[in-house]
Amino acid sequence: MPMLPSRHYESEHTKFVRELKEKRPEIEEKQREARALWWDKDPRTLAEGRAMAQGKVPAKPYAYQTESE
């Protein structure tokens, strides 16, 4: 009995995703649009983010500690 799964094995998750994409081919285009909206950023936006991060004021180590303690 081999220890490794068969090369022809397909998990339930893989079957589900494959069948879903076959039934609804527009899903892949929606995935690309969502990725572009949330993940793919142009360099100018990234540079602005870096500039904002450089101007960040460091937080105190413990925000709830009072000065009198």
PDB file of N, CA and C in Angstrom:
ATOM      1  N   MET A   1       0.842  -1.172   0.000  1.00  0.00           N
ATOM      2  CA  MET A   1       0.000   0.000   0.000  1.00  0.00           C
ATOM      3  C   MET A   1       0.894   1.243   0.000  1.00  0.00           C
ATOM      4  N   PRO A   2       0.758   2.129  -1.005  1.00  0.00           N
ATOM      5  CA  PRO A   2       1.600   3.323  -1.066  1.00  0.00           C
ATOM      6  C   PRO A   2       1.194   4.342  -0.002  1.00  0.00           C
ATOM      7  N   MET A   3       2.190   5.065   0.486  1.00  0.00           N
ATOM      8  CA  MET A   3       1.940   6.068   1.519  1.00  0.00           C
ATOM      9  C   MET A   3       1.462   7.401   0.921  1.00  0.00           C
ATOM     10  N   LEU A   4       1.845   7.676  -0.311  1.00  0.00           N
ATOM     11  CA  LEU A   4       1.466   8.929  -0.935  1.00  0.00           C
ATOM     12  C   LEU A   4       0.116   8.795  -1.640  1.00  0.00           C
ATOM     13  N   PRO A   5      -0.653   9.881  -1.706  1.00  0.00           N
ATOM     14  CA  PRO A   5      -1.937   9.802  -2.397  1.00  0.00           C
ATOM     15  C   PRO A   5      -1.747   9.584  -3.889  1.00  0.00           C
ATOM     16  N   SER A   6      -2.746   9.047  -4.498  1.00  0.00           N
ATOM     17  CA  SER A   6      -2.704   8.797  -5.931  1.00  0.00           C
ATOM     18  C   SER A   6      -2.560  10.104  -6.697  1.00  0.00           C
ATOM     19  N   ARG A   7      -1.896  10.056  -7.828  1.00  0.00           N
ATOM     20  CA  ARG A   7      -1.733  11.256  -8.648  1.00  0.00           C
ATOM     21  C   ARG A   7      -3.076  11.714  -9.208  1.00  0.00           C
ATOM     22  N   HIS A   8      -4.047  10.835  -9.246  1.00  0.00           N
ATOM     23  CA  HIS A   8      -5.353  11.163  -9.795  1.00  0.00           C
ATOM     24  C   HIS A   8      -6.332  11.613  -8.712  1.00  0.00           C
ATOM     25  N   TYR A   9      -5.862  11.692  -7.497  1.00  0.00           N
ATOM     26  CA  TYR A   9      -6.724  12.106  -6.391  1.00  0.00           C
ATOM     27  C   TYR A   9      -7.079  13.588  -6.526  1.00  0.00           C
ATOM     28  N   GLU A  10      -8.320  13.921  -6.241  1.00  0.00           N
ATOM     29  CA  GLU A  10      -8.767  15.304  -6.270  1.00  0.00           C
ATOM     30  C   GLU A  10      -9.595  15.532  -5.010  1.00  0.00           C
ATOM     31  N   SER A  11      -9.193  16.497  -4.211  1.00  0.00           N
ATOM     32  CA  SER A  11      -9.880  16.745  -2.947  1.00  0.00           C
ATOM     33  C   SER A  11     -11.287  17.278  -3.198  1.00  0.00           C
ATOM     34  N   GLU A  12     -12.108  17.204  -2.168  1.00  0.00           N
ATOM     35  CA  GLU A  12     -13.474  17.708  -2.260  1.00  0.00           C
ATOM     36  C   GLU A  12     -13.464  19.210  -2.531  1.00  0.00           C
ATOM     37  N   HIS A  13     -12.545  19.909  -1.904  1.00  0.00           N
ATOM     38  CA  HIS A  13     -12.448  21.359  -2.108  1.00  0.00           C
ATOM     39  C   HIS A  13     -12.093  21.684  -3.548  1.00  0.00           C
ATOM     40  N   THR A  14     -11.133  20.979  -4.100  1.00  0.00           N
ATOM     41  CA  THR A  14     -10.730  21.209  -5.485  1.00  0.00           C
ATOM     42  C   THR A  14     -11.884  20.921  -6.440  1.00  0.00           C
ATOM     43  N   LYS A  15     -12.607  19.844  -6.197  1.00  0.00           N
ATOM     44  CA  LYS A  15     -13.770  19.517  -7.033  1.00  0.00           C
ATOM     45  C   LYS A  15     -14.811  20.619  -6.960  1.00  0.00           C
ATOM     46  N   PHE A  16     -15.076  21.095  -5.737  1.00  0.00           N
ATOM     47  CA  PHE A  16     -16.074  22.134  -5.559  1.00  0.00           C
ATOM     48  C   PHE A  16     -15.703  23.394  -6.330  1.00  0.00           C
ATOM     49  N   VAL A  17     -14.459  23.844  -6.191  1.00  0.00           N
ATOM     50  CA  VAL A  17     -14.020  25.072  -6.862  1.00  0.00           C
ATOM     51  C   VAL A  17     -14.053  24.895  -8.377  1.00  0.00           C
ATOM     52  N   ARG A  18     -13.584  23.764  -8.855  1.00  0.00           N
ATOM     53  CA  ARG A  18     -13.580  23.520 -10.300  1.00  0.00           C
ATOM     54  C   ARG A  18     -14.999  23.526 -10.851  1.00  0.00           C
ATOM     55  N   GLU A  19     -15.930  22.831 -10.175  1.00  0.00           N
ATOM     56  CA  GLU A  19     -17.315  22.774 -10.634  1.00  0.00           C
ATOM     57  C   GLU A  19     -17.982  24.148 -10.558  1.00  0.00           C
ATOM     58  N   LEU A  20     -17.679  24.904  -9.527  1.00  0.00           N
ATOM     59  CA  LEU A  20     -18.251  26.236  -9.391  1.00  0.00           C
ATOM     60  C   LEU A  20     -17.798  27.138 -10.534  1.00  0.00           C
ATOM     61  N   LYS A  21     -16.513  27.073 -10.873  1.00  0.00           N
ATOM     62  CA  LYS A  21     -15.995  27.895 -11.974  1.00  0.00           C
ATOM     63  C   LYS A  21     -16.561  27.445 -13.320  1.00  0.00           C
ATOM     64  N   GLU A  22     -16.872  26.157 -13.452  1.00  0.00           N
ATOM     65  CA  GLU A  22     -17.495  25.684 -14.689  1.00  0.00           C
ATOM     66  C   GLU A  22     -18.928  26.205 -14.803  1.00  0.00           C
ATOM     67  N   LYS A  23     -19.644  26.235 -13.682  1.00  0.00           N
ATOM     68  CA  LYS A  23     -21.031  26.707 -13.690  1.00  0.00           C
ATOM     69  C   LYS A  23     -21.110  28.223 -13.846  1.00  0.00           C
ATOM     70  N   ARG A  24     -20.160  28.940 -13.232  1.00  0.00           N
ATOM     71  CA  ARG A  24     -20.186  30.401 -13.232  1.00  0.00           C
ATOM     72  C   ARG A  24     -18.836  30.947 -13.695  1.00  0.00           C
ATOM     73  N   PRO A  25     -18.598  30.995 -14.997  1.00  0.00           N
ATOM     74  CA  PRO A  25     -17.295  31.437 -15.515  1.00  0.00           C
ATOM     75  C   PRO A  25     -16.979  32.904 -15.203  1.00  0.00           C
ATOM     76  N   GLU A  26     -17.981  33.709 -14.874  1.00  0.00           N
ATOM     77  CA  GLU A  26     -17.728  35.121 -14.570  1.00  0.00           C
ATOM     78  C   GLU A  26     -17.019  35.315 -13.233  1.00  0.00           C
ATOM     79  N   ILE A  27     -16.938  34.280 -12.433  1.00  0.00           N
ATOM     80  CA  ILE A  27     -16.289  34.373 -11.122  1.00  0.00           C
ATOM     81  C   ILE A  27     -14.820  34.781 -11.249  1.00  0.00           C
ATOM     82  N   GLU A  28     -14.127  34.247 -12.217  1.00  0.00           N
ATOM     83  CA  GLU A  28     -12.707  34.559 -12.358  1.00  0.00           C
ATOM     84  C   GLU A  28     -12.495  36.042 -12.658  1.00  0.00           C
ATOM     85  N   GLU A  29     -13.350  36.641 -13.479  1.00  0.00           N
ATOM     86  CA  GLU A  29     -13.232  38.060 -13.762  1.00  0.00           C
ATOM     87  C   GLU A  29     -13.518  38.880 -12.507  1.00  0.00           C
ATOM     88  N   LYS A  30     -14.490  38.464 -11.724  1.00  0.00           N
ATOM     89  CA  LYS A  30     -14.792  39.163 -10.470  1.00  0.00           C
ATOM     90  C   LYS A  30     -13.627  39.033  -9.486  1.00  0.00           C
ATOM     91  N   GLN A  31     -12.957  37.884  -9.476  1.00  0.00           N
ATOM     92  CA  GLN A  31     -11.783  37.701  -8.625  1.00  0.00           C
ATOM     93  C   GLN A  31     -10.686  38.683  -9.019  1.00  0.00           C
ATOM     94  N   ARG A  32     -10.461  38.838 -10.322  1.00  0.00           N
ATOM     95  CA  ARG A  32      -9.431  39.772 -10.793  1.00  0.00           C
ATOM     96  C   ARG A  32      -9.777  41.206 -10.396  1.00  0.00           C
ATOM     97  N   GLU A  33     -11.052  41.571 -10.537  1.00  0.00           N
ATOM     98  CA  GLU A  33     -11.475  42.918 -10.164  1.00  0.00           C
ATOM     99  C   GLU A  33     -11.271  43.162  -8.669  1.00  0.00           C
ATOM    100  N   ALA A  34     -11.636  42.195  -7.848  1.00  0.00           N
ATOM    101  CA  ALA A  34     -11.481  42.340  -6.404  1.00  0.00           C
ATOM    102  C   ALA A  34     -10.011  42.417  -6.016  1.00  0.00           C
ATOM    103  N   ARG A  35      -9.194  41.614  -6.664  1.00  0.00           N
ATOM    104  CA  ARG A  35      -7.761  41.670  -6.366  1.00  0.00           C
ATOM    105  C   ARG A  35      -7.194  43.037  -6.725  1.00  0.00           C
ATOM    106  N   ALA A  36      -7.601  43.574  -7.862  1.00  0.00           N
ATOM    107  CA  ALA A  36      -7.126  44.890  -8.273  1.00  0.00           C
ATOM    108  C   ALA A  36      -7.580  45.957  -7.288  1.00  0.00           C
ATOM    109  N   LEU A  37      -8.771  45.799  -6.749  1.00  0.00           N
ATOM    110  CA  LEU A  37      -9.298  46.779  -5.812  1.00  0.00           C
ATOM    111  C   LEU A  37      -8.560  46.745  -4.486  1.00  0.00           C
ATOM    112  N   TRP A  38      -8.288  45.541  -3.971  1.00  0.00           N
ATOM    113  CA  TRP A  38      -7.744  45.423  -2.619  1.00  0.00           C
ATOM    114  C   TRP A  38      -6.241  45.200  -2.557  1.00  0.00           C
ATOM    115  N   TRP A  39      -5.640  44.568  -3.562  1.00  0.00           N
ATOM    116  CA  TRP A  39      -4.236  44.169  -3.449  1.00  0.00           C
ATOM    117  C   TRP A  39      -3.303  44.871  -4.411  1.00  0.00           C
ATOM    118  N   ASP A  40      -3.653  44.915  -5.678  1.00  0.00           N
ATOM    119  CA  ASP A  40      -2.757  45.490  -6.692  1.00  0.00           C
ATOM    120  C   ASP A  40      -2.825  47.012  -6.610  1.00  0.00           C
ATOM    121  N   LYS A  41      -1.759  47.615  -6.147  1.00  0.00           N
ATOM    122  CA  LYS A  41      -1.713  49.065  -5.987  1.00  0.00           C
ATOM    123  C   LYS A  41      -0.642  49.646  -6.898  1.00  0.00           C
ATOM    124  N   ASP A  42      -0.901  50.844  -7.391  1.00  0.00           N
ATOM    125  CA  ASP A  42       0.106  51.482  -8.233  1.00  0.00           C
ATOM    126  C   ASP A  42       1.227  52.050  -7.354  1.00  0.00           C
ATOM    127  N   PRO A  43       2.403  52.270  -7.916  1.00  0.00           N
ATOM    128  CA  PRO A  43       3.555  52.713  -7.115  1.00  0.00           C
ATOM    129  C   PRO A  43       3.322  54.030  -6.379  1.00  0.00           C
ATOM    130  N   ARG A  44       2.532  54.946  -6.971  1.00  0.00           N
ATOM    131  CA  ARG A  44       2.292  56.215  -6.303  1.00  0.00           C
ATOM    132  C   ARG A  44       1.564  55.996  -4.977  1.00  0.00           C
ATOM    133  N   THR A  45       0.577  55.118  -4.951  1.00  0.00           N
ATOM    134  CA  THR A  45      -0.162  54.831  -3.724  1.00  0.00           C
ATOM    135  C   THR A  45       0.766  54.220  -2.680  1.00  0.00           C
ATOM    136  N   LEU A  46       1.648  53.333  -3.101  1.00  0.00           N
ATOM    137  CA  LEU A  46       2.591  52.709  -2.176  1.00  0.00           C
ATOM    138  C   LEU A  46       3.553  53.747  -1.607  1.00  0.00           C
ATOM    139  N   ALA A  47       4.016  54.665  -2.446  1.00  0.00           N
ATOM    140  CA  ALA A  47       4.936  55.708  -1.985  1.00  0.00           C
ATOM    141  C   ALA A  47       4.248  56.624  -0.973  1.00  0.00           C
ATOM    142  N   GLU A  48       2.982  56.936  -1.227  1.00  0.00           N
ATOM    143  CA  GLU A  48       2.231  57.759  -0.278  1.00  0.00           C
ATOM    144  C   GLU A  48       2.094  57.041   1.060  1.00  0.00           C
ATOM    145  N   GLY A  49       1.866  55.748   1.007  1.00  0.00           N
ATOM    146  CA  GLY A  49       1.751  54.964   2.236  1.00  0.00           C
ATOM    147  C   GLY A  49       3.043  54.960   3.032  1.00  0.00           C
ATOM    148  N   ARG A  50       4.168  54.848   2.339  1.00  0.00           N
ATOM    149  CA  ARG A  50       5.472  54.886   3.017  1.00  0.00           C
ATOM    150  C   ARG A  50       5.709  56.244   3.668  1.00  0.00           C
ATOM    151  N   ALA A  51       5.343  57.318   2.960  1.00  0.00           N
ATOM    152  CA  ALA A  51       5.523  58.664   3.508  1.00  0.00           C
ATOM    153  C   ALA A  51       4.665  58.846   4.757  1.00  0.00           C
ATOM    154  N   MET A  52       3.453  58.326   4.741  1.00  0.00           N
ATOM    155  CA  MET A  52       2.584  58.422   5.911  1.00  0.00           C
ATOM    156  C   MET A  52       3.171  57.625   7.072  1.00  0.00           C
ATOM    157  N   ALA A  53       3.739  56.465   6.786  1.00  0.00           N
ATOM    158  CA  ALA A  53       4.309  55.625   7.841  1.00  0.00           C
ATOM    159  C   ALA A  53       5.525  56.291   8.484  1.00  0.00           C
ATOM    160  N   GLN A  54       6.293  57.037   7.712  1.00  0.00           N
ATOM    161  CA  GLN A  54       7.471  57.718   8.256  1.00  0.00           C
ATOM    162  C   GLN A  54       7.077  58.833   9.229  1.00  0.00           C
ATOM    163  N   GLY A  55       5.921  59.436   9.031  1.00  0.00           N
ATOM    164  CA  GLY A  55       5.485  60.513   9.895  1.00  0.00           C
ATOM    165  C   GLY A  55       4.702  60.048  11.109  1.00  0.00           C
ATOM    166  N   LYS A  56       4.602  58.741  11.287  1.00  0.00           N
ATOM    167  CA  LYS A  56       3.817  58.187  12.389  1.00  0.00           C
ATOM    168  C   LYS A  56       4.522  58.436  13.728  1.00  0.00           C
ATOM    169  N   VAL A  57       3.755  58.855  14.719  1.00  0.00           N
ATOM    170  CA  VAL A  57       4.282  59.091  16.058  1.00  0.00           C
ATOM    171  C   VAL A  57       4.228  57.776  16.824  1.00  0.00           C
ATOM    172  N   PRO A  58       5.327  57.356  17.465  1.00  0.00           N
ATOM    173  CA  PRO A  58       5.306  56.076  18.176  1.00  0.00           C
ATOM    174  C   PRO A  58       4.351  56.106  19.369  1.00  0.00           C
ATOM    175  N   ALA A  59       3.669  55.002  19.590  1.00  0.00           N
ATOM    176  CA  ALA A  59       2.735  54.889  20.706  1.00  0.00           C
ATOM    177  C   ALA A  59       3.493  54.549  21.980  1.00  0.00           C
ATOM    178  N   LYS A  60       2.900  54.897  23.111  1.00  0.00           N
ATOM    179  CA  LYS A  60       3.499  54.547  24.397  1.00  0.00           C
ATOM    180  C   LYS A  60       3.420  53.031  24.570  1.00  0.00           C
ATOM    181  N   PRO A  61       4.358  52.437  25.320  1.00  0.00           N
ATOM    182  CA  PRO A  61       4.368  50.980  25.476  1.00  0.00           C
ATOM    183  C   PRO A  61       3.076  50.433  26.088  1.00  0.00           C
ATOM    184  N   TYR A  62       2.513  51.128  27.054  1.00  0.00           N
ATOM    185  CA  TYR A  62       1.280  50.660  27.667  1.00  0.00           C
ATOM    186  C   TYR A  62       0.330  51.843  27.740  1.00  0.00           C
ATOM    187  N   ALA A  63      -0.664  51.851  26.909  1.00  0.00           N
ATOM    188  CA  ALA A  63      -1.534  52.999  26.750  1.00  0.00           C
ATOM    189  C   ALA A  63      -2.386  53.306  27.965  1.00  0.00           C
ATOM    190  N   TYR A  64      -2.658  52.334  28.825  1.00  0.00           N
ATOM    191  CA  TYR A  64      -3.563  52.538  29.946  1.00  0.00           C
ATOM    192  C   TYR A  64      -2.847  52.902  31.246  1.00  0.00           C
ATOM    193  N   GLN A  65      -1.535  53.001  31.212  1.00  0.00           N
ATOM    194  CA  GLN A  65      -0.804  53.362  32.418  1.00  0.00           C
ATOM    195  C   GLN A  65      -0.898  54.868  32.622  1.00  0.00           C
ATOM    196  N   THR A  66      -1.205  55.289  33.871  1.00  0.00           N
ATOM    197  CA  THR A  66      -1.297  56.709  34.176  1.00  0.00           C
ATOM    198  C   THR A  66       0.075  57.258  34.541  1.00  0.00           C
ATOM    199  N   GLU A  67       0.215  58.557  34.480  1.00  0.00           N
ATOM    200  CA  GLU A  67       1.495  59.213  34.761  1.00  0.00           C
ATOM    201  C   GLU A  67       1.870  59.121  36.232  1.00  0.00           C
ATOM    202  N   SER A  68       0.877  58.999  37.156  1.00  0.00           N
ATOM    203  CA  SER A  68       1.158  58.997  38.578  1.00  0.00           C
ATOM    204  C   SER A  68       1.759  57.684  39.089  1.00  0.00           C
ATOM    205  N   GLU A  69       1.679  56.660  38.310  1.00  0.00           N
ATOM    206  CA  GLU A  69       2.179  55.349  38.775  1.00  0.00           C
ATOM    207  C   GLU A  69       3.661  55.213  38.657  1.00  0.00           C
TER     208      GLU A  69
END
